Protein backbone atom coordinates (compact mmCIF):
# COMPACT_ATOMS: atom_id res chain seq x y z
CA MET A 1 17.55 132.24 51.38
CA HIS A 2 14.09 130.76 49.97
CA CYS A 3 13.36 127.91 47.65
CA ALA A 4 10.91 126.97 45.30
CA ILE A 5 9.39 123.92 43.46
CA VAL A 6 8.87 122.86 40.51
CA GLY A 7 7.62 119.62 39.82
CA SER A 8 9.75 117.06 41.54
CA VAL A 9 12.70 119.32 41.24
CA MET A 10 13.97 121.52 43.68
CA PHE A 11 16.44 124.42 43.33
CA ILE A 12 17.93 126.46 45.57
CA ARG A 13 18.82 130.23 45.26
CA ASP A 14 21.29 132.07 47.39
CA SER A 15 20.86 135.73 47.69
CA VAL A 16 24.60 135.76 47.65
CA GLN A 17 25.64 134.76 43.66
CA PRO A 18 28.85 133.43 43.75
CA ALA A 19 31.48 134.54 41.53
CA PRO A 20 31.31 133.10 37.90
CA LEU A 21 33.73 129.57 37.19
CA HIS A 22 34.19 130.97 33.95
CA ALA A 23 34.41 134.29 32.42
CA PRO A 24 31.33 135.30 30.55
CA ASP A 25 30.57 134.37 27.21
CA ALA A 26 29.59 137.12 25.18
CA TYR A 27 28.35 134.71 22.34
CA SER A 28 26.50 132.30 25.41
CA THR A 29 27.76 129.15 24.11
CA PRO A 30 27.51 126.21 26.35
CA PRO A 31 29.05 125.07 28.96
CA TYR A 32 30.43 128.18 29.28
CA GLY A 33 27.63 130.66 28.64
CA GLY A 34 24.40 130.11 30.47
CA PRO A 35 22.48 128.28 30.73
CA GLY A 36 25.41 125.54 30.53
CA PRO A 37 25.94 122.43 32.94
CA TRP A 38 25.53 124.60 36.09
CA ALA A 39 22.10 126.12 34.72
CA PRO A 40 18.67 124.30 34.61
CA ALA A 41 18.37 122.49 30.74
CA PRO A 42 16.14 124.50 28.62
CA PRO A 43 12.80 123.72 27.47
CA VAL A 44 11.71 122.01 24.40
CA GLN A 45 11.61 124.68 21.50
CA ARG A 46 9.17 124.51 19.52
CA PRO A 47 10.06 127.57 16.39
CA VAL A 48 6.80 129.47 15.91
CA PRO A 49 5.69 128.46 12.25
CA THR A 50 7.17 130.47 9.56
CA PRO A 51 4.66 132.73 8.29
CA ALA A 52 3.87 133.53 4.33
CA HIS A 53 6.15 135.51 2.87
CA GLY A 54 5.01 139.42 3.33
CA THR A 55 3.28 138.92 6.35
CA ALA A 56 4.55 141.05 9.29
CA VAL A 57 5.14 139.44 12.64
CA PRO A 58 5.27 141.21 15.53
CA PRO A 59 8.91 141.41 16.82
CA SER A 60 9.64 140.39 20.92
CA TYR A 61 11.59 142.82 22.51
CA PRO A 62 13.28 142.82 25.89
CA PRO A 63 11.59 144.09 28.81
CA GLY A 64 11.10 148.08 28.42
CA ALA A 65 12.52 148.10 24.95
CA ALA A 66 8.90 148.48 23.61
CA PRO A 67 8.22 152.21 22.56
CA ALA A 68 4.74 153.62 23.83
CA GLY A 69 1.46 154.50 21.78
CA PRO A 70 -0.87 153.47 19.83
CA PRO A 71 -0.28 150.67 17.26
CA PRO A 72 -0.03 151.70 13.74
CA ALA A 73 -2.25 150.71 11.16
CA ASP A 74 -2.07 146.84 10.19
CA PRO A 75 -1.64 146.27 7.21
CA ARG A 76 -3.80 142.85 6.70
CA ALA A 77 -6.91 145.24 7.64
CA GLY A 78 -6.22 147.85 4.72
CA GLY A 79 -4.01 149.69 6.32
CA ALA A 80 -0.49 150.57 5.69
CA TYR A 81 3.02 151.33 7.78
CA PRO A 82 4.88 154.11 7.87
CA THR A 83 7.99 154.68 5.56
CA ASP A 84 11.20 156.02 6.83
CA GLY A 85 13.91 157.89 4.87
CA ALA A 86 14.87 155.78 2.38
CA GLY A 87 11.42 155.15 1.37
CA PHE A 88 10.97 151.64 3.20
CA GLN A 89 8.16 150.47 5.29
CA THR A 90 8.93 150.20 9.30
CA PRO A 91 6.69 147.74 11.01
CA PRO A 92 5.11 148.50 13.96
CA THR A 93 6.46 147.82 17.41
CA PRO A 94 4.16 146.04 19.52
CA PRO A 95 3.34 146.76 23.24
CA SER A 96 5.87 145.81 26.17
CA ARG A 97 4.95 142.66 28.02
CA PRO A 98 5.95 142.07 31.74
CA ALA A 99 9.39 140.84 32.24
CA ASP A 100 8.61 137.91 33.90
CA ALA A 101 5.96 136.84 31.62
CA PRO A 102 5.91 133.40 30.11
CA VAL A 103 7.23 133.07 26.64
CA PRO A 104 3.92 131.18 25.13
CA GLY A 105 4.33 127.12 24.80
CA GLY A 106 6.24 127.21 28.02
CA PRO A 107 6.83 128.18 31.58
CA TYR A 108 9.83 129.78 32.08
CA PRO A 109 10.45 133.31 31.96
CA ALA A 110 11.01 135.57 28.60
CA SER A 111 14.59 136.51 29.52
CA GLN A 112 15.80 133.04 29.56
CA TRP A 113 13.85 131.83 26.66
CA LEU A 114 15.85 135.01 24.68
CA GLN A 115 19.03 133.89 25.95
CA TYR A 116 18.80 130.79 24.35
CA ASP A 117 16.50 130.79 20.92
CA PRO A 118 18.60 130.00 18.12
CA TRP A 119 15.63 131.06 16.27
CA GLY A 120 16.06 134.62 17.59
CA THR A 121 17.91 137.44 16.24
CA PRO A 122 21.99 136.97 17.39
CA GLY A 123 22.63 139.42 20.41
CA GLY A 124 18.89 139.39 21.34
CA GLY A 125 18.02 142.17 19.40
CA PRO A 126 14.62 142.58 17.52
CA PRO A 127 14.81 140.81 13.77
CA ALA A 128 14.57 143.07 10.89
CA GLY A 129 11.36 142.99 9.84
CA PRO A 130 9.75 142.20 6.04
CA LEU A 131 11.25 144.29 3.48
CA THR A 132 8.99 146.36 0.81
CA TYR A 133 10.27 148.11 -2.33
CA GLN A 134 9.14 151.59 -3.22
CA ASP A 135 8.61 150.67 -6.73
CA GLY A 136 6.62 147.37 -6.22
CA PRO A 137 8.54 144.12 -5.76
CA PRO A 138 11.79 143.64 -8.48
CA ALA A 139 11.89 140.58 -10.74
CA ARG A 140 12.68 137.70 -9.75
CA ARG A 141 15.74 136.64 -11.20
CA ARG A 142 17.22 133.86 -9.17
CA GLY A 143 13.84 132.42 -8.91
CA ALA A 144 13.25 132.85 -12.85
CA ARG A 145 16.96 130.97 -13.43
CA GLY A 146 15.77 128.15 -12.01
CA PRO A 147 13.46 126.54 -14.49
CA VAL A 148 16.03 127.61 -17.25
CA VAL A 149 18.53 125.31 -15.56
CA ALA A 150 16.16 122.98 -15.07
CA GLY A 151 15.52 122.77 -18.34
CA ALA A 152 18.52 122.62 -19.63
CA VAL A 153 19.18 119.91 -17.68
CA LEU A 154 16.87 117.79 -18.85
CA LEU A 155 17.57 118.84 -22.17
CA ALA A 156 20.71 117.52 -21.74
CA LEU A 157 19.56 114.18 -20.26
CA VAL A 158 16.98 113.77 -22.97
CA SER A 159 19.89 114.45 -25.65
CA GLY A 160 22.04 112.14 -23.94
CA VAL A 161 19.44 109.21 -24.08
CA VAL A 162 18.22 109.79 -27.71
CA GLY A 163 22.04 110.41 -29.21
CA GLY A 164 23.32 106.93 -27.36
CA GLY A 165 19.75 104.99 -28.71
CA ILE A 166 20.63 106.02 -31.94
CA GLY A 167 23.87 105.60 -32.08
CA SER A 168 23.73 101.75 -30.56
CA TYR A 169 20.85 100.78 -33.24
CA VAL A 170 23.07 102.75 -36.37
CA GLU A 171 25.97 100.18 -34.66
CA ARG A 172 24.06 96.93 -34.29
CA THR A 173 22.29 97.70 -37.46
CA GLY A 174 24.36 99.63 -40.14
CA GLY A 175 22.09 102.44 -40.79
CA PHE A 176 18.35 103.12 -40.55
CA GLY A 177 15.78 101.60 -42.51
CA SER A 178 18.55 98.03 -42.37
CA ASP A 179 17.85 95.16 -39.99
CA ARG A 180 21.41 93.74 -41.48
CA ILE A 181 24.56 93.90 -39.59
CA GLU A 182 27.01 94.51 -41.71
CA LEU A 183 31.04 93.62 -40.96
CA GLY A 184 34.12 95.27 -42.49
CA GLN A 185 35.82 93.64 -45.05
CA ALA A 186 39.01 94.64 -47.17
CA PRO A 187 38.33 95.51 -50.80
CA GLU A 188 38.56 93.47 -53.78
CA GLU A 189 41.65 93.24 -55.28
CA SER A 190 43.42 91.71 -58.24
CA ARG A 191 43.58 88.06 -58.00
CA ASP A 192 47.08 87.75 -60.53
CA ARG A 193 50.02 86.92 -58.09
CA ALA A 194 53.63 86.63 -58.99
CA PRO A 195 54.45 83.81 -61.77
CA ASP A 196 57.28 82.78 -59.80
CA SER A 197 55.20 82.49 -56.18
CA VAL A 198 53.56 78.89 -54.95
CA ALA A 199 49.96 80.61 -55.90
CA GLY A 200 51.70 81.55 -59.26
CA ILE A 201 52.99 78.12 -60.11
CA ALA A 202 49.89 76.57 -58.58
CA ALA A 203 47.51 78.56 -61.34
CA ARG A 204 49.74 77.21 -64.30
CA ALA A 205 49.95 73.65 -62.87
CA LEU A 206 46.56 72.66 -61.68
CA PRO A 207 45.07 72.17 -64.77
CA GLY A 208 47.63 69.74 -66.39
CA VAL A 209 47.64 67.54 -63.01
CA VAL A 210 44.73 64.52 -62.28
CA THR A 211 43.41 62.63 -60.03
CA LEU A 212 43.91 58.42 -60.86
CA HIS A 213 41.31 56.57 -59.18
CA VAL A 214 42.41 52.74 -59.68
CA ALA A 215 40.21 48.71 -59.29
CA GLY A 216 40.89 45.85 -60.09
CA GLY A 217 41.66 42.23 -58.70
CA GLY A 218 39.91 43.10 -55.28
CA GLU A 219 42.24 45.95 -54.89
CA GLN A 220 41.65 49.67 -55.26
CA GLY A 221 43.70 53.15 -55.09
CA THR A 222 44.69 56.89 -55.21
CA GLY A 223 47.51 58.53 -57.12
CA THR A 224 48.13 61.43 -59.18
CA GLY A 225 49.74 61.83 -62.31
CA PHE A 226 50.16 64.97 -65.16
CA VAL A 227 49.41 65.40 -68.34
CA LEU A 228 52.05 65.13 -70.86
CA ASP A 229 50.50 65.77 -74.46
CA LYS A 230 47.45 66.85 -76.40
CA GLN A 231 47.09 63.30 -77.29
CA GLY A 232 46.13 62.55 -73.66
CA HIS A 233 49.35 60.71 -72.32
CA ILE A 234 49.25 61.28 -68.61
CA LEU A 235 52.64 59.79 -66.68
CA THR A 236 52.18 58.32 -63.13
CA ASN A 237 53.47 56.02 -60.78
CA ASN A 238 53.55 52.01 -61.37
CA HIS A 239 52.54 51.19 -58.20
CA VAL A 240 49.53 53.24 -58.64
CA VAL A 241 48.13 51.97 -61.91
CA ASP A 242 49.45 48.11 -60.73
CA PRO A 243 46.34 47.28 -58.84
CA ALA A 244 44.31 47.42 -62.57
CA GLY A 245 46.47 44.56 -63.25
CA SER A 246 45.28 43.82 -66.86
CA SER A 247 41.48 43.89 -66.40
CA GLY A 248 40.69 46.30 -64.19
CA GLU A 249 39.56 50.35 -64.28
CA ILE A 250 41.52 53.07 -64.26
CA SER A 251 39.47 56.41 -64.15
CA VAL A 252 41.23 60.17 -64.35
CA THR A 253 39.63 63.46 -62.74
CA PHE A 254 40.79 67.07 -64.00
CA SER A 255 41.63 69.80 -61.71
CA GLY A 256 37.68 71.36 -62.94
CA GLY A 257 36.03 68.30 -61.96
CA GLU A 258 35.76 66.52 -65.70
CA THR A 259 36.27 62.89 -65.18
CA ALA A 260 37.21 60.32 -68.21
CA ARG A 261 38.06 56.76 -68.55
CA ALA A 262 41.79 56.01 -68.99
CA THR A 263 43.99 52.74 -70.22
CA LEU A 264 47.26 51.68 -69.83
CA VAL A 265 49.97 52.78 -72.45
CA GLY A 266 53.15 50.64 -70.52
CA LYS A 267 54.62 50.47 -67.08
CA ASP A 268 58.32 49.72 -65.82
CA SER A 269 58.75 48.62 -62.16
CA GLY A 270 62.17 49.39 -62.15
CA TYR A 271 61.87 52.54 -62.60
CA ASP A 272 58.15 52.83 -60.94
CA LEU A 273 56.97 54.81 -63.64
CA ALA A 274 53.50 53.74 -65.93
CA VAL A 275 52.50 56.11 -68.85
CA VAL A 276 48.07 55.46 -68.88
CA LYS A 277 45.94 57.78 -72.04
CA VAL A 278 42.69 59.75 -72.21
CA SER A 279 40.59 59.65 -75.71
CA GLY A 280 37.95 62.02 -76.80
CA VAL A 281 38.93 64.51 -73.82
CA SER A 282 40.00 68.30 -75.62
CA GLY A 283 41.20 71.23 -74.05
CA LEU A 284 44.14 69.35 -71.82
CA THR A 285 46.82 71.57 -70.35
CA PRO A 286 50.35 69.45 -70.63
CA LEU A 287 52.58 70.04 -68.56
CA PRO A 288 56.17 71.96 -69.66
CA LEU A 289 59.14 69.43 -68.38
CA GLY A 290 62.02 70.82 -66.70
CA ASN A 291 66.29 69.71 -66.48
CA SER A 292 66.67 67.94 -63.22
CA ASP A 293 70.42 68.10 -63.96
CA ASN A 294 70.20 71.59 -63.60
CA VAL A 295 68.49 71.24 -59.98
CA ARG A 296 70.63 72.59 -57.12
CA VAL A 297 70.25 71.92 -52.92
CA GLY A 298 68.34 74.88 -51.82
CA ASP A 299 66.05 75.54 -54.74
CA PRO A 300 62.21 75.86 -53.75
CA VAL A 301 59.37 73.61 -55.12
CA VAL A 302 56.07 72.68 -54.95
CA ALA A 303 54.30 69.56 -54.97
CA ILE A 304 51.03 68.75 -56.29
CA GLY A 305 48.56 65.97 -55.99
CA ALA A 306 45.67 63.97 -54.07
CA PRO A 307 47.05 63.20 -50.76
CA PHE A 308 44.60 60.69 -49.34
CA ASP A 309 42.20 61.50 -52.02
CA LEU A 310 42.35 65.09 -51.53
CA GLN A 311 42.76 66.80 -55.07
CA ASN A 312 44.23 69.59 -55.93
CA THR A 313 46.34 69.65 -53.02
CA VAL A 314 49.47 71.82 -53.07
CA THR A 315 52.76 71.91 -50.48
CA SER A 316 55.97 73.66 -51.46
CA GLY A 317 59.15 73.08 -49.77
CA ILE A 318 62.92 72.86 -51.48
CA ILE A 319 65.40 70.06 -52.88
CA SER A 320 66.87 68.97 -49.73
CA ALA A 321 69.11 66.41 -51.14
CA LYS A 322 70.21 65.04 -54.94
CA GLU A 323 71.12 61.72 -55.87
CA ARG A 324 69.63 60.15 -52.93
CA PRO A 325 69.79 56.40 -53.87
CA ILE A 326 66.58 54.73 -52.61
CA THR A 327 64.62 51.63 -53.41
CA ALA A 328 61.40 51.06 -53.33
CA GLY A 329 58.86 48.28 -53.68
CA GLY A 330 59.27 44.81 -52.80
CA GLU A 331 56.11 43.08 -52.07
CA LYS A 332 55.84 40.97 -53.93
CA GLY A 333 59.07 39.09 -52.28
CA ASP A 334 60.24 37.79 -55.93
CA GLY A 335 62.47 41.69 -56.27
CA THR A 336 60.27 41.75 -59.77
CA ASP A 337 58.91 45.01 -58.26
CA ILE A 338 61.79 46.51 -56.76
CA SER A 339 62.53 50.06 -57.84
CA TYR A 340 65.67 51.63 -57.87
CA VAL A 341 66.07 55.48 -58.11
CA ASP A 342 68.76 57.91 -57.99
CA ALA A 343 66.28 60.33 -56.47
CA LEU A 344 65.70 64.06 -55.52
CA GLN A 345 64.66 64.88 -52.08
CA THR A 346 62.58 67.13 -50.69
CA ASP A 347 60.99 67.96 -47.69
CA ALA A 348 57.81 69.71 -49.47
CA PRO A 349 54.80 67.53 -47.65
CA ILE A 350 54.26 64.15 -49.61
CA ASN A 351 51.91 61.83 -48.58
CA PRO A 352 50.19 58.58 -49.69
CA GLY A 353 47.93 59.81 -52.84
CA ASN A 354 50.67 61.58 -54.15
CA SER A 355 52.68 59.40 -56.03
CA GLY A 356 52.74 60.25 -59.53
CA GLY A 357 52.35 63.63 -59.20
CA PRO A 358 54.75 66.41 -60.28
CA LEU A 359 57.35 68.09 -58.52
CA MET A 360 57.73 71.86 -59.80
CA ASP A 361 60.21 74.31 -59.95
CA ASN A 362 59.47 77.85 -59.58
CA GLU A 363 59.52 78.17 -63.27
CA ALA A 364 56.19 75.89 -63.04
CA ARG A 365 58.01 72.75 -64.54
CA VAL A 366 58.11 69.42 -64.01
CA ILE A 367 61.69 68.71 -62.11
CA GLY A 368 60.62 65.19 -60.44
CA ILE A 369 57.79 62.45 -60.00
CA ASN A 370 57.11 62.19 -56.32
CA SER A 371 57.04 58.58 -55.47
CA ALA A 372 58.46 57.46 -51.87
CA ILE A 373 58.24 58.72 -48.61
CA ARG A 374 60.45 57.93 -45.55
CA ALA A 375 57.74 56.99 -43.15
CA ALA A 376 58.18 57.59 -38.87
CA ASP A 377 58.08 54.11 -38.31
CA GLY A 378 61.24 53.35 -40.20
CA GLY A 379 59.64 51.89 -43.07
CA SER A 380 60.56 53.09 -46.82
CA GLY A 381 59.17 52.29 -50.45
CA PRO A 382 56.11 53.84 -51.75
CA GLU A 383 54.11 55.49 -49.55
CA ALA A 384 55.64 52.91 -46.66
CA GLY A 385 53.24 52.22 -43.57
CA ARG A 386 50.67 54.68 -44.95
CA SER A 387 52.40 57.31 -42.96
CA GLY A 388 52.15 60.89 -42.91
CA SER A 389 54.64 62.93 -44.39
CA ILE A 390 57.65 64.34 -41.82
CA GLY A 391 59.39 65.98 -44.04
CA LEU A 392 61.29 63.13 -46.37
CA GLY A 393 60.06 63.00 -49.66
CA PHE A 394 61.27 61.14 -52.63
CA ALA A 395 61.11 62.31 -56.72
CA ILE A 396 62.15 60.38 -59.61
CA PRO A 397 64.55 62.86 -61.85
CA VAL A 398 62.58 64.15 -64.73
CA ASN A 399 65.20 63.40 -67.11
CA GLN A 400 65.05 59.68 -66.52
CA GLY A 401 61.38 60.03 -66.46
CA LYS A 402 61.12 61.72 -69.79
CA ARG A 403 63.24 58.64 -71.22
CA VAL A 404 61.06 56.09 -69.98
CA ALA A 405 57.54 58.01 -70.85
CA GLU A 406 59.27 57.92 -74.19
CA GLU A 407 59.70 54.53 -74.38
CA LEU A 408 56.56 53.48 -72.85
CA ILE A 409 54.67 55.34 -75.25
CA ASN A 410 56.62 54.53 -78.67
CA THR A 411 56.86 50.62 -77.71
CA GLY A 412 54.85 49.67 -74.75
CA LYS A 413 58.37 48.87 -72.65
CA ALA A 414 61.61 50.56 -71.29
CA THR A 415 64.98 49.61 -71.24
CA HIS A 416 67.28 49.20 -68.64
CA PRO A 417 71.05 49.94 -68.63
CA VAL A 418 73.38 47.20 -67.59
CA ILE A 419 77.02 46.17 -67.21
CA GLY A 420 76.50 42.81 -67.33
CA VAL A 421 77.69 41.60 -64.25
CA ASN A 422 75.80 39.62 -60.78
CA LEU A 423 76.51 41.30 -57.69
CA ASP A 424 76.87 39.34 -54.09
CA MET A 425 74.16 41.63 -52.48
CA ARG A 426 75.37 39.92 -48.90
CA TYR A 427 78.73 41.54 -49.46
CA THR A 428 79.08 44.20 -46.29
CA GLY A 429 81.95 46.06 -46.78
CA ALA A 430 82.46 49.50 -48.93
CA GLY A 431 81.61 48.79 -52.47
CA ALA A 432 79.50 46.57 -54.65
CA ARG A 433 81.16 42.91 -55.02
CA VAL A 434 80.74 41.00 -58.20
CA SER A 435 79.50 37.20 -57.23
CA GLU A 436 82.44 34.72 -57.35
CA LYS A 437 79.79 31.91 -58.94
CA ASN A 438 75.89 31.81 -59.51
CA LYS A 439 73.52 29.05 -57.78
CA ASP A 440 73.06 27.71 -61.27
CA GLY A 441 76.70 27.28 -62.08
CA SER A 442 76.22 30.21 -64.83
CA PRO A 443 79.09 32.90 -65.09
CA THR A 444 78.37 35.88 -63.12
CA VAL A 445 80.07 38.02 -65.44
CA VAL A 446 78.18 38.07 -68.55
CA PRO A 447 80.18 36.45 -71.37
CA ASP A 448 81.06 39.53 -74.11
CA GLY A 449 78.89 41.84 -71.85
CA PRO A 450 80.18 45.67 -71.17
CA ALA A 451 82.12 44.37 -68.10
CA ALA A 452 83.57 41.47 -69.61
CA LYS A 453 84.54 43.82 -72.14
CA ALA A 454 86.02 46.46 -69.91
CA GLY A 455 88.13 43.69 -68.27
CA ILE A 456 86.24 43.26 -64.67
CA ARG A 457 86.60 39.51 -63.35
CA PRO A 458 84.40 37.82 -60.56
CA GLY A 459 85.16 39.04 -56.62
CA ASP A 460 86.04 42.42 -57.97
CA VAL A 461 85.16 45.31 -55.50
CA ILE A 462 83.56 48.59 -57.63
CA THR A 463 83.88 51.22 -54.87
CA GLU A 464 83.25 54.51 -57.61
CA VAL A 465 81.18 55.35 -60.59
CA ASP A 466 82.39 58.59 -62.60
CA GLY A 467 84.09 59.29 -59.24
CA ARG A 468 81.62 58.93 -56.70
CA LYS A 469 81.71 56.57 -54.20
CA VAL A 470 79.60 53.40 -54.34
CA TYR A 471 78.88 52.05 -50.97
CA GLY A 472 76.89 48.68 -51.03
CA GLY A 473 75.09 46.36 -54.26
CA GLU A 474 71.65 48.37 -54.35
CA GLU A 475 73.60 51.87 -54.80
CA LEU A 476 75.54 51.16 -57.83
CA ILE A 477 72.44 49.64 -59.54
CA VAL A 478 70.63 52.58 -59.05
CA LYS A 479 73.78 55.04 -60.03
CA ILE A 480 73.80 52.65 -63.13
CA ARG A 481 70.02 53.13 -63.80
CA ALA A 482 70.44 56.78 -63.42
CA HIS A 483 71.95 56.62 -67.04
CA ARG A 484 71.01 55.72 -70.83
CA PRO A 485 71.98 52.61 -72.64
CA GLY A 486 75.00 53.65 -74.27
CA ASP A 487 76.63 55.90 -71.97
CA GLU A 488 80.13 55.08 -71.05
CA LEU A 489 80.86 55.73 -67.43
CA GLU A 490 85.05 54.84 -65.35
CA LEU A 491 84.47 52.60 -62.79
CA THR A 492 86.91 52.48 -59.89
CA VAL A 493 87.63 48.80 -59.24
CA VAL A 494 89.36 46.71 -56.23
CA ARG A 495 91.41 43.75 -57.11
CA ASP A 496 93.54 42.23 -54.59
CA GLY A 497 94.21 45.37 -52.69
CA GLN A 498 94.79 47.13 -55.87
CA GLU A 499 92.65 49.96 -57.13
CA ARG A 500 91.98 49.84 -61.31
CA LYS A 501 90.10 52.28 -63.23
CA LYS A 502 87.93 50.56 -66.03
CA LYS A 503 85.94 51.99 -68.49
CA LEU A 504 82.72 50.75 -70.13
CA ARG A 505 79.73 51.37 -72.54
CA LEU A 506 76.39 50.64 -71.00
CA GLY A 507 74.41 47.90 -72.73
CA SER A 508 70.67 47.13 -72.25
CA SER A 509 68.27 45.19 -71.48
CA GLN A 510 64.06 45.09 -71.83
CA GLY A 511 62.16 46.20 -68.57
CA ASP A 512 59.32 44.35 -67.23
């Protein structure tokens, strides 16, 4: 046994080699090949720099493998390698060196270096020398494709960037040479609408609808009216023009914006209707009048007016009910301003300022004059409480409005149909009861009047008019006012528990 000291580490070698713990590894791979965990660690491996392409490098051979003889000419010195039978040049074989000669760059024997050299050829054989071709180097196909591929990638990248920029520019500006953004829009189309549509009705009716501004006596108001004829007569509500009194001002604004002064022709508080007239105005558009007797519940209607002074406002709805007995007014306290209307009820939105405006059917004909609304606070009357619409609007039937308007234009006054009795308005039973006596002692049944001629007496209770039930005194007045003077009615009268049928012809009284 002998020992050798290398640095400060001692390695002990026996003259007798023990049997390996594992079978030899043909691939010399740690930990089963050498060197491994049972052998010294290899030195730090520093690969020799790779020479330039085409430069011959003398290979390393195991001990005793170097061929004898003088080395061939070195091509770097102007010589040439010999060629083999295939026409390839063969590099020279370097001279042999001792087996224990150290490998340059380390103190370890060449055999140990070659056994664990990752840069050596597999199996420890000599590396293949550089190859040269008999007819010179071939075209560098692979190298030639590199610039082409790189150029194609660059071109695609540039095209994408340029195309994206152009697309973004066109999308923002609408095209080259323009710096404005233009949005898509439907093409222009015909403005005509079906005559019976809301738009069609409004187009025909608006030129004949006006807005009234009234001022006088420290009061002012706004309402609506519509043209009756070419002479300039306009129908509206009494409560619209009432603030003007006898010396106030009434201004009329047409749908096109033209304005004219108007004068009062006549008014009637019992029907809540009035007629004013404009002079010196040409091109007037009278609205055609329909027949309110032809109206049925559910018929479509259009209301036009100036709610809250918003002129030319159009709303639509249906007829909700007919012959609604309503009373409006009464602010004066003496009953002279109370109107009794057997009204058309509609859900077309009606608001303060709609008063006096037309309620139209689907033929653009006037079937009613908008007059009152039921307010949300429970009030009633013309624009009660100045509240907004809750879908309970009331219009004077046009048949009644036509008759009153004609009388106001022709005589300045309207007549009221009467039966010639005084009613007990405190009676709470079903029907309307004729008063027993008046406070001033005058008879409650007018002598020689329509009721007296029909045989009606004080204390009788009228329960029906033409077969329709009557529930109170106000409702009886409404039903009577819905007729003309001279019309014949059949009344059902209860006296001493017995029903009697009475026919009478309505009389006439001068309205206020």
